[in-house]
Every structure is written in structure tokens, then in C-alpha cells.
Amino acid sequence: MTQFLTTLHTVATDPHWHTLAGPVPGVTPEIPDDVNKPVQTVLNWTAGLGLAGAVLGGLLGWAAVAVGHNTERASLAARGKQGILWSLFGAGGIGVTSALVSAFYTMSK
């Protein structure tokens, strides 16, 4: 462990390390509009369909909870509650992933 810390300290204090990590002069990263527009369209459709599926899964989960409680089938109600939670996790994951990818593609502009 001490060898790792010593190496890390050497790399961090080396004056040449900072010049190697600098940006390339005269280069502006940019995604062409011919690529950016179709990528945004695909991302929007994917996020929209994924969120629609998550909403449908949540609604089906609530229906399973209602049917399970009214017919005294505890296993159906428990599966419905799990379905509600997983649809919430899925919707959150889709939203976060879509936002991160969209931010990555628009960061270069």
C-alpha cells in the first residue's frame, strides 16, 4: 500500500504530468449536426418508450395489488408491490441514463 501511495504522490507532484494532461491546442470537440440530430431522436424515442413501459408496469402492479388484496391472494399482492417498486427503479434508471447520455452529446456544443 505504501508503494502505491508513494507512486501516486510522485505522479501528482511531477511538473511534467500537468503538461501531459492539458488540452490539445487548437482543437474544439464538436459533434456534427448530421450525427447529433439522429442520435437525439433515437435517445428521445428510447426514453419515451422505456418510461411508457415503466408506467404500464406500475399500473399493472397496482392492479395486481388490488386484485390480490380483494381476493385474499397474498402472493399476488406481494408480486404487485414488487412490480411497482421495480417499475419505479426502472423509470428512474431510464431518466438518469437518458439525461447523462443527452448531456454527454450536448456537452461538446
Protein backbone atom coordinates (compact mmCIF):
# COMPACT_ATOMS: atom_id res chain seq x y z
CA MET A 1 0.00 0.00 0.00
CA THR A 2 2.82 2.41 0.78
CA GLN A 3 4.35 1.79 -2.66
CA PHE A 4 1.05 2.74 -4.25
CA LEU A 5 0.82 5.94 -2.18
CA THR A 6 4.44 6.83 -2.98
CA THR A 7 3.82 6.35 -6.69
CA LEU A 8 0.62 8.39 -6.52
CA HIS A 9 2.46 11.21 -4.73
CA THR A 10 5.25 11.14 -7.31
CA VAL A 11 2.79 11.32 -10.20
CA ALA A 12 0.80 14.13 -8.56
CA THR A 13 3.87 16.27 -7.82
CA ASP A 14 5.69 15.70 -11.11
CA PRO A 15 5.68 19.02 -13.03
CA HIS A 16 5.62 17.24 -16.41
CA TRP A 17 2.44 15.34 -15.56
CA HIS A 18 0.34 18.51 -15.71
CA THR A 19 1.53 19.39 -19.21
CA LEU A 20 0.65 15.91 -20.44
CA ALA A 21 -2.89 16.16 -19.06
CA GLY A 22 -3.62 19.53 -20.71
CA PRO A 23 -5.94 20.01 -23.68
CA VAL A 24 -4.73 19.82 -27.25
CA PRO A 25 -4.31 23.39 -28.54
CA GLY A 26 -6.40 24.48 -31.50
CA VAL A 27 -8.94 21.61 -31.29
CA THR A 28 -12.59 22.21 -30.45
CA PRO A 29 -14.54 18.98 -29.89
CA GLU A 30 -17.82 19.10 -31.76
CA ILE A 31 -20.35 16.56 -32.92
CA PRO A 32 -21.60 17.21 -36.46
CA ASP A 33 -25.28 18.03 -36.77
CA ASP A 34 -25.68 15.11 -39.18
CA VAL A 35 -24.83 12.79 -36.29
CA ASN A 36 -26.30 14.73 -33.37
CA LYS A 37 -29.86 15.01 -34.70
CA PRO A 38 -30.44 11.27 -35.35
CA VAL A 39 -28.80 10.37 -32.03
CA GLN A 40 -31.11 12.75 -30.17
CA THR A 41 -34.11 11.27 -31.98
CA VAL A 42 -33.14 7.72 -31.03
CA LEU A 43 -32.49 8.73 -27.42
CA ASN A 44 -35.82 10.52 -27.15
CA TRP A 45 -37.75 7.57 -28.59
CA THR A 46 -35.90 5.08 -26.39
CA ALA A 47 -36.50 7.12 -23.25
CA GLY A 48 -40.15 7.70 -24.14
CA LEU A 49 -40.88 4.04 -24.82
CA GLY A 50 -38.98 2.95 -21.71
CA LEU A 51 -40.87 5.37 -19.49
CA ALA A 52 -44.16 4.32 -21.05
CA GLY A 53 -43.29 0.71 -20.27
CA ALA A 54 -42.41 1.65 -16.69
CA VAL A 55 -45.76 3.44 -16.26
CA LEU A 56 -47.61 0.45 -17.70
CA GLY A 57 -45.70 -1.87 -15.35
CA GLY A 58 -46.61 0.33 -12.40
CA LEU A 59 -50.28 0.33 -13.36
CA LEU A 60 -50.27 -3.45 -13.74
CA GLY A 61 -48.56 -3.71 -10.36
CA TRP A 62 -51.25 -1.61 -8.71
CA ALA A 63 -53.91 -3.76 -10.39
CA ALA A 64 -52.23 -6.91 -9.05
CA VAL A 65 -52.15 -5.41 -5.55
CA ALA A 66 -55.84 -4.54 -5.74
CA VAL A 67 -56.87 -7.96 -7.05
CA GLY A 68 -54.59 -9.74 -4.59
CA HIS A 69 -56.00 -7.90 -1.57
CA ASN A 70 -59.62 -8.25 -2.64
CA THR A 71 -59.35 -11.98 -3.40
CA GLU A 72 -57.12 -12.68 -0.38
CA ARG A 73 -54.21 -13.92 -2.51
CA ALA A 74 -51.22 -12.59 -0.62
CA SER A 75 -48.70 -13.79 -3.21
CA LEU A 76 -50.38 -11.82 -5.99
CA ALA A 77 -50.44 -8.67 -3.86
CA ALA A 78 -46.78 -9.15 -2.93
CA ARG A 79 -45.80 -9.57 -6.59
CA GLY A 80 -47.76 -6.45 -7.44
CA LYS A 81 -45.87 -4.47 -4.79
CA GLN A 82 -42.57 -5.75 -6.18
CA GLY A 83 -43.70 -4.77 -9.68
CA ILE A 84 -44.47 -1.24 -8.51
CA LEU A 85 -41.02 -0.88 -6.94
CA TRP A 86 -39.22 -2.27 -9.97
CA SER A 87 -41.13 -0.01 -12.34
CA LEU A 88 -40.12 2.98 -10.20
CA PHE A 89 -36.48 1.87 -10.24
CA GLY A 90 -36.67 1.30 -13.99
CA ALA A 91 -38.20 4.72 -14.65
CA GLY A 92 -35.53 6.37 -12.51
CA GLY A 93 -32.76 4.48 -14.27
CA ILE A 94 -34.13 5.37 -17.70
CA GLY A 95 -34.46 9.02 -16.74
CA VAL A 96 -30.95 9.25 -15.30
CA THR A 97 -29.35 7.35 -18.17
CA SER A 98 -31.16 9.41 -20.79
CA ALA A 99 -30.13 12.65 -19.08
CA LEU A 100 -26.49 11.55 -18.82
CA VAL A 101 -26.23 10.47 -22.44
CA SER A 102 -28.01 13.61 -23.63
CA ALA A 103 -25.70 15.77 -21.51
CA PHE A 104 -22.68 13.93 -22.93
CA TYR A 105 -23.78 14.60 -26.52
CA THR A 106 -24.65 18.25 -25.90
CA MET A 107 -21.52 18.95 -23.84
CA SER A 108 -19.38 19.49 -26.91
CA LYS A 109 -21.50 22.36 -28.25
